[in-house]
Amino acid sequence: MTRHPEHGSWSRRGFLRLGATLGAGALSGGCASAASAGSYAVGGSTLGRAREAGIITIGIANEAPYGYTGPDGTVTGEAVAVARAMFAELGVAGIRPVTVDFGELVPGLTLARQFDVITAGMFVTAQRCESVAFSVPDYTAPTAFLVPRGNPRGVATFDQIREQDLRVAVLGGAVEYRYALDSGVSEARLQQLADQQALLLAVEAGRADCAALTNISLNNVVAANPDTAVEVTPGFFPVIGGREVVSAGAFAVRPGEDELLEAVNTRLRAMQQSGEWLRLAQPFGFGPDNVPGPDVTTEGLCAP
């Protein structure tokens, strides 16, 4: 997920929209009502009450491949699949998804208390760490390139794009635009496009030599377009100004929910170490290089 850190913050306007929605007794996506979502969200142990009720409420943003509603109406995605398995092992039989705009996830968790866990593939940033308590990293999101099948230019890094003076497509407003500029790629060789499908079409048509995005998103695009003559390069973390830039997503709970956070961390680590996480995540475009290494920590990602 290449959202800028500020996309995880919320504005007064966003919170007023959220309040109006709650006042109307409806939630985006129709997954749960405000009353049912908050039925065990205050007082006592959230995890204990979830175990007793047999269900825990999660917040998603309807964004593939992390947490979204599929064509058949089923809520799915990498984070949702992992959450289902994780909470089942923690003694909570089911999950109740609540869909809100991405920018309303944090206030929906901490202020409106619509749900007890953000399960939306949210990147861990220093700014967000001031408002929520993140789990250990759920996944890492290396950058990759979408290239013609066979990768005829041998593209693997932004430095190679600069050296070969290649044309590279990126999503407008995404971090890859800055990665390319900071690596010395000429702005004249950058194409800012509207969405992932536009990146695919640009490479297919030869209007761009490659497209840059997270390997998760690019793998998802290729999986959705199996007949296309493109492929995704191995993921990597760009080195900008001599520093490796690591992006990682995690689950989030309210500050002070220590029992819930510890339980999530313990189970998530076990799933990653056993290979269960990879088995659950692979159908959504994730691979072995998305499993967080021991050097990728929440403390490090939260550091300014």
Protein backbone atom coordinates (compact mmCIF):
# COMPACT_ATOMS: atom_id res chain seq x y z
CA MET A 1 0.00 0.00 0.00
CA THR A 2 1.64 3.24 -1.09
CA ARG A 3 -0.57 5.75 0.68
CA HIS A 4 1.32 8.72 2.09
CA PRO A 5 1.42 8.92 5.90
CA GLU A 6 -1.03 11.79 5.95
CA HIS A 7 -3.70 9.53 4.48
CA GLY A 8 -3.91 7.80 7.84
CA SER A 9 -4.73 11.03 9.66
CA TRP A 10 -8.19 12.54 9.83
CA SER A 11 -9.67 15.97 9.44
CA ARG A 12 -12.46 17.74 11.30
CA ARG A 13 -14.56 17.38 8.16
CA GLY A 14 -13.90 13.66 8.07
CA PHE A 15 -14.91 13.23 11.69
CA LEU A 16 -18.08 15.27 11.18
CA ARG A 17 -18.95 12.99 8.26
CA LEU A 18 -18.34 10.03 10.53
CA GLY A 19 -20.54 11.50 13.24
CA ALA A 20 -23.35 12.12 10.78
CA THR A 21 -23.09 8.56 9.56
CA LEU A 22 -23.32 7.22 13.09
CA GLY A 23 -26.23 9.50 13.82
CA ALA A 24 -28.06 8.03 10.86
CA GLY A 25 -27.46 4.57 12.28
CA ALA A 26 -25.65 3.30 9.18
CA LEU A 27 -22.08 2.43 8.28
CA SER A 28 -20.40 2.51 4.92
CA GLY A 29 -20.59 -0.89 3.27
CA GLY A 30 -23.50 -2.05 5.41
CA CYS A 31 -21.39 -4.53 7.33
CA ALA A 32 -22.60 -3.62 10.81
CA SER A 33 -24.69 -1.09 12.67
CA ALA A 34 -23.19 1.43 15.08
CA ALA A 35 -24.96 -0.22 18.00
CA SER A 36 -23.77 -3.73 17.20
CA ALA A 37 -20.22 -2.54 16.47
CA GLY A 38 -19.89 -0.90 19.87
CA SER A 39 -21.70 -3.53 21.92
CA TYR A 40 -18.56 -4.70 23.67
CA ALA A 41 -16.18 -1.84 22.85
CA VAL A 42 -16.18 -0.06 26.22
CA GLY A 43 -15.18 -1.16 29.72
CA GLY A 44 -13.36 -4.31 30.81
CA SER A 45 -11.35 -6.60 28.59
CA THR A 46 -12.07 -6.27 24.88
CA LEU A 47 -10.52 -9.65 24.15
CA GLY A 48 -12.42 -11.29 27.03
CA ARG A 49 -15.75 -9.94 25.84
CA ALA A 50 -14.98 -10.91 22.26
CA ARG A 51 -14.30 -14.46 23.39
CA GLU A 52 -17.54 -14.51 25.34
CA ALA A 53 -19.54 -13.09 22.43
CA GLY A 54 -17.73 -15.25 19.89
CA ILE A 55 -17.09 -12.30 17.60
CA ILE A 56 -14.81 -9.26 17.28
CA THR A 57 -15.42 -6.16 15.17
CA ILE A 58 -12.75 -5.15 12.66
CA GLY A 59 -12.37 -2.01 10.57
CA ILE A 60 -11.60 -2.22 6.85
CA ALA A 61 -11.43 0.37 4.05
CA ASN A 62 -12.69 -1.73 1.11
CA GLU A 63 -9.24 -1.69 -0.48
CA ALA A 64 -7.87 -4.70 -2.35
CA PRO A 65 -5.88 -6.74 -1.60
CA TYR A 66 -5.95 -5.89 2.13
CA GLY A 67 -9.60 -5.84 3.24
CA TYR A 68 -12.52 -5.52 0.82
CA THR A 69 -15.89 -6.89 -0.23
CA GLY A 70 -15.66 -9.31 -3.15
CA PRO A 71 -18.12 -9.61 -6.05
CA ASP A 72 -20.12 -12.23 -4.14
CA GLY A 73 -20.52 -9.93 -1.13
CA THR A 74 -18.00 -11.78 1.03
CA VAL A 75 -15.50 -9.66 2.96
CA THR A 76 -12.01 -10.89 2.15
CA GLY A 77 -8.39 -9.78 1.66
CA GLU A 78 -5.01 -10.58 3.16
CA ALA A 79 -5.56 -8.79 6.46
CA VAL A 80 -9.08 -10.19 6.81
CA ALA A 81 -7.95 -13.76 6.11
CA VAL A 82 -5.12 -13.46 8.62
CA ALA A 83 -7.45 -11.88 11.20
CA ARG A 84 -10.01 -14.67 10.86
CA ALA A 85 -7.39 -17.35 11.45
CA MET A 86 -5.63 -15.36 14.16
CA PHE A 87 -8.73 -14.66 16.23
CA ALA A 88 -10.04 -18.20 15.80
CA GLU A 89 -6.85 -19.40 17.50
CA LEU A 90 -7.39 -16.78 20.21
CA GLY A 91 -10.82 -18.19 21.01
CA VAL A 92 -12.92 -15.73 18.98
CA ALA A 93 -14.96 -17.70 16.46
CA GLY A 94 -15.95 -14.88 14.09
CA ILE A 95 -15.25 -11.36 12.87
CA ARG A 96 -17.71 -8.58 12.13
CA PRO A 97 -16.34 -6.19 9.48
CA VAL A 98 -17.19 -2.49 9.42
CA THR A 99 -16.28 -0.56 6.26
CA VAL A 100 -15.26 3.11 6.45
CA ASP A 101 -13.16 5.45 4.33
CA PHE A 102 -9.45 4.90 4.85
CA GLY A 103 -9.02 8.29 6.51
CA GLU A 104 -11.75 7.43 9.04
CA LEU A 105 -10.14 4.21 10.29
CA VAL A 106 -8.17 5.84 13.10
CA PRO A 107 -11.02 7.98 14.51
CA GLY A 108 -13.39 5.06 13.99
CA LEU A 109 -11.17 2.98 16.25
CA THR A 110 -10.14 5.51 18.88
CA LEU A 111 -13.02 8.02 19.09
CA ALA A 112 -16.20 6.50 17.66
CA ARG A 113 -15.16 3.00 18.82
CA GLN A 114 -16.90 1.43 15.85
CA PHE A 115 -14.49 -1.48 15.86
CA ASP A 116 -11.74 -2.93 18.01
CA VAL A 117 -9.04 -3.69 15.45
CA ILE A 118 -7.99 -1.93 12.24
CA THR A 119 -7.58 -4.73 9.73
CA ALA A 120 -6.80 -2.77 6.57
CA GLY A 121 -3.11 -3.26 5.80
CA MET A 122 -2.31 0.15 7.32
CA PHE A 123 1.32 1.26 7.02
CA VAL A 124 3.08 1.91 10.32
CA THR A 125 4.25 5.53 10.47
CA ALA A 126 5.50 7.77 13.26
CA GLN A 127 2.44 10.00 12.85
CA ARG A 128 -0.03 7.14 13.20
CA CYS A 129 1.88 5.69 16.16
CA GLU A 130 0.84 8.78 18.12
CA SER A 131 -2.82 7.72 17.86
CA VAL A 132 -2.97 3.92 17.78
CA ALA A 133 -1.02 0.93 19.06
CA PHE A 134 0.33 -1.14 16.17
CA SER A 135 0.98 -4.85 16.26
CA VAL A 136 4.24 -6.36 15.12
CA PRO A 137 4.48 -5.90 11.33
CA ASP A 138 1.99 -8.03 9.43
CA TYR A 139 3.82 -7.66 6.12
CA THR A 140 6.49 -5.66 4.39
CA ALA A 141 5.79 -3.94 1.08
CA PRO A 142 8.90 -3.88 -1.11
CA THR A 143 8.87 -1.82 -4.27
CA ALA A 144 8.86 -3.70 -7.58
CA PHE A 145 8.55 -2.95 -11.28
CA LEU A 146 5.99 -4.07 -13.80
CA VAL A 147 7.92 -4.87 -16.97
CA PRO A 148 7.32 -6.60 -20.33
CA ARG A 149 7.59 -10.37 -20.01
CA GLY A 150 11.22 -11.41 -19.92
CA ASN A 151 12.27 -8.00 -18.55
CA PRO A 152 14.26 -7.07 -21.69
CA ARG A 153 15.82 -3.98 -20.07
CA GLY A 154 16.87 -5.89 -16.96
CA VAL A 155 15.14 -3.39 -14.68
CA ALA A 156 15.70 -4.01 -10.98
CA THR A 157 16.36 -0.62 -9.31
CA PHE A 158 15.63 3.09 -9.76
CA ASP A 159 19.35 3.61 -10.35
CA GLN A 160 19.13 1.40 -13.46
CA ILE A 161 16.17 3.42 -14.70
CA ARG A 162 18.24 6.59 -14.33
CA GLU A 163 21.29 5.07 -15.99
CA GLN A 164 19.30 3.78 -18.98
CA ASP A 165 17.10 6.91 -19.16
CA LEU A 166 13.98 4.75 -19.16
CA ARG A 167 10.37 5.88 -18.99
CA VAL A 168 8.69 4.85 -15.73
CA ALA A 169 5.01 5.07 -14.82
CA VAL A 170 3.90 5.67 -11.21
CA LEU A 171 0.61 6.36 -9.45
CA GLY A 172 -0.11 10.04 -8.97
CA GLY A 173 0.62 10.98 -5.35
CA ALA A 174 2.30 7.65 -4.53
CA VAL A 175 5.69 7.36 -2.84
CA GLU A 176 7.34 5.79 -5.91
CA TYR A 177 7.27 9.18 -7.62
CA ARG A 178 9.53 10.58 -4.91
CA TYR A 179 11.66 7.43 -4.84
CA ALA A 180 12.37 7.92 -8.56
CA LEU A 181 13.14 11.64 -8.28
CA ASP A 182 15.38 11.14 -5.25
CA SER A 183 17.25 8.44 -7.22
CA GLY A 184 18.02 10.94 -9.97
CA VAL A 185 15.40 9.87 -12.51
CA SER A 186 14.46 12.82 -14.71
CA GLU A 187 10.98 14.17 -14.07
CA ALA A 188 10.51 14.26 -17.83
CA ARG A 189 10.78 10.44 -17.85
CA LEU A 190 8.10 10.03 -15.16
CA GLN A 191 4.44 9.40 -16.02
CA GLN A 192 1.92 9.91 -13.20
CA LEU A 193 -1.17 7.80 -13.86
CA ALA A 194 -4.51 7.44 -12.11
CA ASP A 195 -4.64 3.78 -11.08
CA GLN A 196 -3.04 0.35 -11.28
CA GLN A 197 -4.87 -0.61 -14.46
CA ALA A 198 -3.45 2.48 -16.16
CA LEU A 199 0.06 1.36 -15.16
CA LEU A 200 -0.58 -2.02 -16.74
CA LEU A 201 -1.88 -0.52 -19.97
CA ALA A 202 1.07 1.89 -20.24
CA VAL A 203 3.61 -0.95 -20.03
CA GLU A 204 1.58 -3.22 -22.31
CA ALA A 205 1.31 -0.51 -24.99
CA GLY A 206 4.98 0.45 -24.74
CA ARG A 207 4.24 3.98 -23.55
CA ALA A 208 6.35 3.23 -20.46
CA ASP A 209 9.35 0.92 -20.15
CA CYS A 210 8.23 -0.08 -16.65
CA ALA A 211 5.89 0.87 -13.83
CA ALA A 212 6.81 1.17 -10.15
CA LEU A 213 4.58 0.24 -7.21
CA THR A 214 4.64 -2.19 -4.27
CA ASN A 215 5.13 -5.77 -5.35
CA ILE A 216 1.89 -6.64 -3.52
CA SER A 217 -0.17 -4.30 -5.69
CA LEU A 218 1.59 -5.29 -8.91
CA ASN A 219 1.20 -9.01 -8.19
CA ASN A 220 -2.48 -8.35 -7.59
CA VAL A 221 -2.80 -6.57 -10.95
CA VAL A 222 -1.10 -9.39 -12.84
CA ALA A 223 -3.23 -12.01 -11.07
CA ALA A 224 -6.34 -10.12 -12.15
CA ASN A 225 -5.06 -9.96 -15.76
CA PRO A 226 -3.58 -13.43 -16.39
CA ASP A 227 -3.41 -13.06 -20.17
CA THR A 228 -1.23 -9.97 -20.12
CA ALA A 229 2.37 -10.12 -21.42
CA VAL A 230 3.99 -8.50 -18.39
CA GLU A 231 5.67 -9.68 -15.20
CA VAL A 232 6.67 -8.33 -11.80
CA THR A 233 10.34 -8.01 -10.82
CA PRO A 234 11.59 -9.17 -7.40
CA GLY A 235 10.76 -6.76 -4.58
CA PHE A 236 13.36 -4.45 -3.05
CA PHE A 237 13.57 -1.57 -0.61
CA PRO A 238 14.95 1.58 -2.26
CA VAL A 239 18.09 3.13 -0.82
CA ILE A 240 17.51 6.89 -0.70
CA GLY A 241 20.27 9.16 0.54
CA GLY A 242 22.20 6.14 1.80
CA ARG A 243 19.25 4.88 3.88
CA GLU A 244 17.06 1.88 3.08
CA VAL A 245 13.39 2.86 3.00
CA VAL A 246 11.24 0.08 4.50
CA SER A 247 7.44 0.09 4.33
CA ALA A 248 5.37 -2.30 6.45
CA GLY A 249 1.74 -2.69 7.46
CA ALA A 250 0.24 -3.94 10.72
CA PHE A 251 -2.96 -4.36 12.70
CA ALA A 252 -3.88 -1.54 15.08
CA VAL A 253 -5.77 -1.38 18.38
CA ARG A 254 -6.57 1.39 20.83
CA PRO A 255 -3.71 2.53 23.08
CA GLY A 256 -3.93 0.71 26.40
CA GLU A 257 -5.40 -2.48 24.94
CA ASP A 258 -2.32 -4.37 26.14
CA GLU A 259 -3.96 -7.79 26.51
CA LEU A 260 -5.42 -7.67 23.00
CA LEU A 261 -2.18 -6.35 21.49
CA GLU A 262 -0.02 -8.98 23.17
CA ALA A 263 -2.37 -11.76 22.04
CA VAL A 264 -2.33 -10.49 18.43
CA ASN A 265 1.46 -10.16 18.46
CA THR A 266 1.99 -13.66 19.84
CA ARG A 267 -0.35 -15.29 17.34
CA LEU A 268 0.84 -13.26 14.35
CA ARG A 269 4.49 -14.13 15.01
CA ALA A 270 3.58 -17.82 15.28
CA MET A 271 1.69 -17.70 11.97
CA GLN A 272 4.62 -16.06 10.20
CA GLN A 273 7.14 -18.53 11.59
CA SER A 274 5.05 -21.62 10.79
CA GLY A 275 4.28 -20.63 7.20
CA GLU A 276 0.55 -20.27 7.91
CA TRP A 277 0.69 -16.53 7.19
CA LEU A 278 2.19 -17.10 3.74
CA ARG A 279 -0.40 -19.75 2.90
CA LEU A 280 -3.21 -17.35 3.77
CA ALA A 281 -1.64 -14.31 2.08
CA GLN A 282 -0.48 -15.82 -1.22
CA PRO A 283 -3.92 -15.81 -2.89
CA PHE A 284 -3.90 -12.02 -2.51
CA GLY A 285 -0.58 -11.43 -4.30
CA PHE A 286 1.78 -11.66 -1.31
CA GLY A 287 4.93 -13.77 -1.41
CA PRO A 288 7.93 -14.80 0.70
CA ASP A 289 9.57 -11.38 0.40
CA ASN A 290 6.53 -9.82 2.09
CA VAL A 291 7.20 -11.73 5.33
CA PRO A 292 8.79 -9.22 7.75
CA GLY A 293 12.36 -9.97 8.72
CA PRO A 294 13.57 -9.79 12.33
CA ASP A 295 15.09 -6.36 11.73
CA VAL A 296 11.70 -4.83 10.75
CA THR A 297 10.14 -3.76 14.05
CA THR A 298 7.20 -1.64 15.07
CA GLU A 299 9.50 0.41 17.32
CA GLY A 300 11.76 1.20 14.38
CA LEU A 301 8.88 2.06 12.07
CA CYS A 302 7.33 4.34 14.72
CA ALA A 303 10.56 6.27 15.20
CA PRO A 304 10.44 9.81 13.75
